[in-house]
């Protein structure tokens, strides 16, 4: 579901009190949201907590959403803010006790294999994981979620030039790491750049 009118319809019904409409909105977006959060956080239980917070925030913020604008970039903005909040919280608080597992478990989506398939290469995935956080964000949004550079600028609330610079810096770092690992392994084959 990528039609602006379908998202607008579901948002309108949700604001009118329909839980089913919000459920449909959730089902239409959970895959991308969970993939992104899991890739940035890596700890499944923490990722699930952040995803839950994201949808609580989405529900609370829908009345502020301008239905004439694209929904997915707005949603990814909520995702990025919640991931940032999680990172700030984890930096300032030491986790002493893991949350007790809930007896009423929701369906757990495991999209980790899809992330690997999307990136399609374990060594490339490892290179992305070793990038600094700010560079990793733009790579994930651009190459994994197929957002345009303009949409990424809006999602992260940074200038377009900064997005372009970060993508370029990330690609250069990944190329350099790949080249160094090829030299270290003694291979002389050329790098195959896909983008």
Protein backbone atom coordinates (compact mmCIF):
# COMPACT_ATOMS: atom_id res chain seq x y z
CA UNK A 1 0.00 0.00 0.00
CA UNK A 2 1.78 3.11 -1.21
CA UNK A 3 -1.20 5.18 -2.26
CA UNK A 4 -1.51 8.53 -0.55
CA UNK A 5 -5.31 8.21 -0.57
CA UNK A 6 -5.24 4.81 1.18
CA UNK A 7 -3.06 6.11 3.99
CA UNK A 8 -5.26 9.22 4.23
CA UNK A 9 -8.38 7.01 4.43
CA UNK A 10 -6.89 4.86 7.21
CA UNK A 11 -5.71 7.92 9.13
CA UNK A 12 -9.12 9.55 8.83
CA UNK A 13 -10.87 6.39 10.06
CA UNK A 14 -8.37 6.04 12.92
CA UNK A 15 -8.98 9.62 14.00
CA UNK A 16 -12.71 8.88 13.91
CA UNK A 17 -12.10 6.09 16.43
CA UNK A 18 -11.65 2.97 14.28
CA UNK A 19 -9.19 0.55 15.87
CA UNK A 20 -9.42 -1.67 12.80
CA UNK A 21 -8.15 1.17 10.60
CA UNK A 22 -5.15 1.70 12.87
CA UNK A 23 -4.57 -2.05 12.76
CA UNK A 24 -4.52 -1.90 8.95
CA UNK A 25 -2.12 1.04 9.07
CA UNK A 26 0.09 -0.95 11.45
CA UNK A 27 0.03 -4.04 9.19
CA UNK A 28 0.89 -1.92 6.14
CA UNK A 29 3.94 -0.35 7.81
CA UNK A 30 5.30 -2.76 10.44
CA UNK A 31 7.68 -4.58 8.13
CA UNK A 32 9.64 -1.46 7.14
CA UNK A 33 9.51 -0.04 10.65
CA UNK A 34 10.73 -3.25 12.31
CA UNK A 35 13.48 -3.82 9.71
CA UNK A 36 14.83 -0.32 10.25
CA UNK A 37 14.66 -0.44 14.04
CA UNK A 38 16.16 -3.94 14.24
CA UNK A 39 19.01 -2.95 11.94
CA UNK A 40 19.82 0.11 14.06
CA UNK A 41 19.39 -1.46 17.51
CA UNK A 42 20.23 -5.16 16.90
CA UNK A 43 18.91 -6.39 20.26
CA UNK A 44 15.52 -7.99 19.45
CA UNK A 45 13.86 -7.29 22.81
CA UNK A 46 14.96 -3.64 22.73
CA UNK A 47 13.91 -3.33 19.09
CA UNK A 48 10.45 -4.64 19.98
CA UNK A 49 10.15 -2.09 22.79
CA UNK A 50 11.16 0.75 20.46
CA UNK A 51 8.68 -0.42 17.79
CA UNK A 52 5.93 -0.44 20.41
CA UNK A 53 6.87 3.13 21.43
CA UNK A 54 6.87 4.17 17.77
CA UNK A 55 3.30 3.03 17.22
CA UNK A 56 2.15 4.63 20.46
CA UNK A 57 3.71 7.89 19.26
CA UNK A 58 2.20 7.48 15.78
CA UNK A 59 -1.25 7.00 17.29
CA UNK A 60 -0.85 10.08 19.49
CA UNK A 61 0.55 12.21 16.67
CA UNK A 62 -1.82 11.29 13.82
CA UNK A 63 -4.04 14.30 14.49
CA UNK A 64 -1.03 16.54 13.69
CA UNK A 65 -0.22 14.74 10.42
CA UNK A 66 -0.94 16.69 7.23
CA UNK A 67 -2.67 14.14 4.95
CA UNK A 68 -1.64 16.11 1.86
CA UNK A 69 1.99 15.07 2.54
CA UNK A 70 3.49 11.60 2.06
CA UNK A 71 2.90 9.35 5.07
CA UNK A 72 5.94 7.03 4.88
CA UNK A 73 8.58 9.78 5.31
CA UNK A 74 6.58 11.23 8.22
CA UNK A 75 6.40 7.76 9.80
CA UNK A 76 10.14 7.23 9.31
CA UNK A 77 10.73 10.57 11.05
CA UNK A 78 8.85 9.20 14.07
CA UNK A 79 10.97 6.04 13.84
CA UNK A 80 14.23 8.02 13.82
CA UNK A 81 13.18 10.19 16.77
CA UNK A 82 12.25 7.11 18.83
CA UNK A 83 15.53 5.35 17.94
CA UNK A 84 17.42 8.50 18.97
CA UNK A 85 15.46 8.64 22.24
CA UNK A 86 16.33 4.99 22.89
CA UNK A 87 20.02 5.68 22.23
CA UNK A 88 20.02 8.69 24.56
CA UNK A 89 18.28 6.68 27.26
CA UNK A 90 20.68 3.76 26.93
CA UNK A 91 23.66 6.10 27.16
CA UNK A 92 22.43 7.78 30.33
CA UNK A 93 20.90 4.81 32.16
CA UNK A 94 22.61 1.59 33.02
CA UNK A 95 20.29 -1.33 32.47
CA UNK A 96 20.22 -3.39 35.67
CA UNK A 97 17.33 -5.75 35.12
CA UNK A 98 16.06 -7.09 31.80
CA UNK A 99 12.35 -6.70 31.35
CA UNK A 100 10.42 -9.79 32.35
CA UNK A 101 8.96 -11.58 29.41
CA UNK A 102 5.31 -10.91 29.01
CA UNK A 103 2.99 -13.85 29.35
CA UNK A 104 0.74 -12.48 26.66
CA UNK A 105 3.31 -12.33 23.85
CA UNK A 106 2.34 -10.61 20.63
CA UNK A 107 3.33 -12.14 17.32
CA UNK A 108 7.06 -11.62 16.93
CA UNK A 109 8.20 -10.72 13.46
CA UNK A 110 11.68 -11.91 12.55
CA UNK A 111 12.72 -9.93 9.51
CA UNK A 112 16.45 -10.36 10.05
CA UNK A 113 16.78 -12.71 7.09
CA UNK A 114 15.00 -10.19 4.89
CA UNK A 115 17.46 -7.49 5.97
CA UNK A 116 20.32 -9.75 4.96
CA UNK A 117 18.60 -10.54 1.67
CA UNK A 118 17.97 -6.86 0.98
CA UNK A 119 21.59 -5.98 1.59
CA UNK A 120 22.39 -9.33 -0.09
CA UNK A 121 25.92 -9.74 1.18
CA UNK A 122 27.23 -10.62 4.63
CA UNK A 123 30.48 -8.70 4.20
CA UNK A 124 28.56 -5.65 3.00
CA UNK A 125 26.24 -5.96 5.99
CA UNK A 126 29.27 -6.09 8.28
CA UNK A 127 30.69 -2.95 6.62
CA UNK A 128 27.41 -1.11 7.14
CA UNK A 129 27.29 -2.20 10.80
CA UNK A 130 30.80 -0.81 11.38
CA UNK A 131 29.92 2.64 10.03
CA UNK A 132 29.51 5.53 12.47
CA UNK A 133 25.87 5.89 13.52
CA UNK A 134 25.11 9.02 11.47
CA UNK A 135 26.49 7.42 8.31
CA UNK A 136 24.70 4.14 9.01
CA UNK A 137 21.37 5.99 9.28
CA UNK A 138 21.55 7.50 5.81
CA UNK A 139 22.74 4.24 4.23
CA UNK A 140 19.88 2.29 5.81
CA UNK A 141 17.26 4.86 4.82
CA UNK A 142 18.57 5.26 1.27
CA UNK A 143 19.60 1.76 0.26
CA UNK A 144 17.50 -0.47 2.50
CA UNK A 145 14.28 1.57 2.61
CA UNK A 146 14.62 3.28 -0.79
CA UNK A 147 14.03 6.82 0.47
CA UNK A 148 15.23 9.67 -1.73
CA UNK A 149 17.89 12.01 -0.43
CA UNK A 150 15.26 14.74 -0.10
CA UNK A 151 13.04 12.44 1.98
CA UNK A 152 16.00 11.50 4.19
CA UNK A 153 16.73 15.19 4.78
CA UNK A 154 13.12 15.67 5.89
CA UNK A 155 13.09 12.53 8.04
CA UNK A 156 16.33 13.39 9.86
CA UNK A 157 15.63 17.14 9.81
CA UNK A 158 19.04 17.95 8.31
CA UNK A 159 20.04 19.83 5.13
CA UNK A 160 20.03 17.95 1.81
CA UNK A 161 23.75 18.69 1.40
CA UNK A 162 24.46 16.96 4.71
CA UNK A 163 22.58 13.86 3.53
CA UNK A 164 24.60 13.79 0.30
CA UNK A 165 27.86 14.26 2.21
CA UNK A 166 27.02 11.46 4.65
CA UNK A 167 26.07 9.04 1.88
CA UNK A 168 29.29 9.86 0.06
CA UNK A 169 31.38 9.50 3.23
CA UNK A 170 29.70 6.18 4.06
CA UNK A 171 30.35 4.78 0.59
CA UNK A 172 33.98 5.91 0.69
CA UNK A 173 34.50 4.28 4.11
CA UNK A 174 32.88 1.06 2.92
CA UNK A 175 34.98 1.00 -0.27
CA UNK A 176 38.15 1.62 1.72
CA UNK A 177 37.34 -1.14 4.23
CA UNK A 178 36.49 -3.53 1.40
CA UNK A 179 39.70 -2.68 -0.46
CA UNK A 180 41.78 -3.14 2.71
CA UNK A 181 40.18 -6.51 3.44
CA UNK A 182 40.81 -7.68 -0.12
CA UNK A 183 44.45 -6.64 0.12
CA UNK A 184 44.77 -8.27 3.53
CA UNK A 185 43.40 -11.54 2.17
CA UNK A 186 45.75 -11.38 -0.80
CA UNK A 187 43.03 -11.16 -3.42
CA UNK A 188 43.62 -9.11 -6.53
CA UNK A 189 40.11 -9.13 -7.96
CA UNK A 190 38.41 -5.81 -8.57
CA UNK A 191 35.61 -4.49 -6.43
CA UNK A 192 32.18 -4.70 -7.98
CA UNK A 193 30.32 -1.51 -7.19
CA UNK A 194 26.59 -1.93 -7.52
CA UNK A 195 25.55 1.70 -7.06
